[in-house]
Amino acid sequence: MDGTRRADIKIGQQVAIVLKQDQRTGKLTEGIVQTILTKSATHPHGIKVRLQSGAVGRVKQILGE
């Protein structure tokens, strides 16, 4: 799953996000979802989340539960 649908993302899930400063390179950061920040049901660039580490970015891959 690619992370563009809010319904696919759950708090506590393992995901890979792209941070704002990494958008040009596409470097992914893995972590556990703490908060879902995007309010709309979908977003073409990925749903924005905050990880437990404090990192904020858009979900590019959903890795597991």
Protein backbone atom coordinates (compact mmCIF):
# COMPACT_ATOMS: atom_id res chain seq x y z
CA MET A 1 0.00 0.00 0.00
CA ASP A 2 1.24 3.45 -0.87
CA GLY A 3 -0.10 5.62 1.97
CA THR A 4 -2.40 7.94 0.00
CA ARG A 5 -5.58 6.76 1.81
CA ARG A 6 -6.10 7.85 5.42
CA ALA A 7 -8.24 4.75 6.13
CA ASP A 8 -5.22 2.47 5.45
CA ILE A 9 -3.07 4.11 8.15
CA LYS A 10 -3.47 3.28 11.84
CA ILE A 11 -1.74 4.61 14.95
CA GLY A 12 0.96 2.16 16.05
CA GLN A 13 1.62 0.95 12.50
CA GLN A 14 5.10 0.64 10.99
CA VAL A 15 5.49 2.98 8.00
CA ALA A 16 8.13 4.57 5.77
CA ILE A 17 7.81 8.34 5.34
CA VAL A 18 9.63 10.99 3.34
CA LEU A 19 10.65 14.01 5.40
CA LYS A 20 10.22 17.53 3.96
CA GLN A 21 13.98 17.99 3.58
CA ASP A 22 14.28 14.57 1.84
CA GLN A 23 11.55 15.14 -0.78
CA ARG A 24 14.08 15.86 -3.55
CA THR A 25 16.12 12.71 -2.88
CA GLY A 26 13.19 10.48 -1.88
CA LYS A 27 15.10 9.15 1.17
CA LEU A 28 12.71 7.20 3.40
CA THR A 29 12.56 7.21 7.21
CA GLU A 30 10.94 4.26 9.00
CA GLY A 31 9.04 4.43 12.24
CA ILE A 32 5.80 3.89 14.17
CA VAL A 33 2.83 6.24 13.61
CA GLN A 34 2.05 8.36 16.68
CA THR A 35 -0.40 10.87 15.13
CA ILE A 36 -2.17 11.20 11.78
CA LEU A 37 -1.96 14.87 10.77
CA THR A 38 -3.85 14.91 7.44
CA LYS A 39 -7.58 15.46 7.94
CA SER A 40 -8.77 14.61 4.40
CA ALA A 41 -9.57 11.03 3.35
CA THR A 42 -6.87 10.96 0.65
CA HIS A 43 -3.81 12.94 -0.41
CA PRO A 44 -1.96 12.42 -3.71
CA HIS A 45 1.51 12.80 -2.10
CA GLY A 46 0.75 10.64 0.95
CA ILE A 47 -0.94 11.13 4.31
CA LYS A 48 1.10 13.32 6.68
CA VAL A 49 1.93 11.66 10.01
CA ARG A 50 4.10 12.20 13.09
CA LEU A 51 6.21 9.22 14.12
CA GLN A 52 7.00 8.24 17.71
CA SER A 53 10.49 9.66 17.11
CA GLY A 54 8.92 13.08 16.47
CA ALA A 55 9.67 13.06 12.73
CA VAL A 56 6.90 14.46 10.50
CA GLY A 57 6.45 13.46 6.87
CA ARG A 58 4.22 11.89 4.25
CA VAL A 59 3.65 8.12 4.18
CA LYS A 60 5.17 6.44 1.12
CA GLN A 61 4.93 2.80 2.25
CA ILE A 62 2.92 0.93 4.86
CA LEU A 63 5.24 -1.76 6.25
CA GLY A 64 3.14 -3.59 8.83
CA GLU A 65 1.05 -3.56 11.98
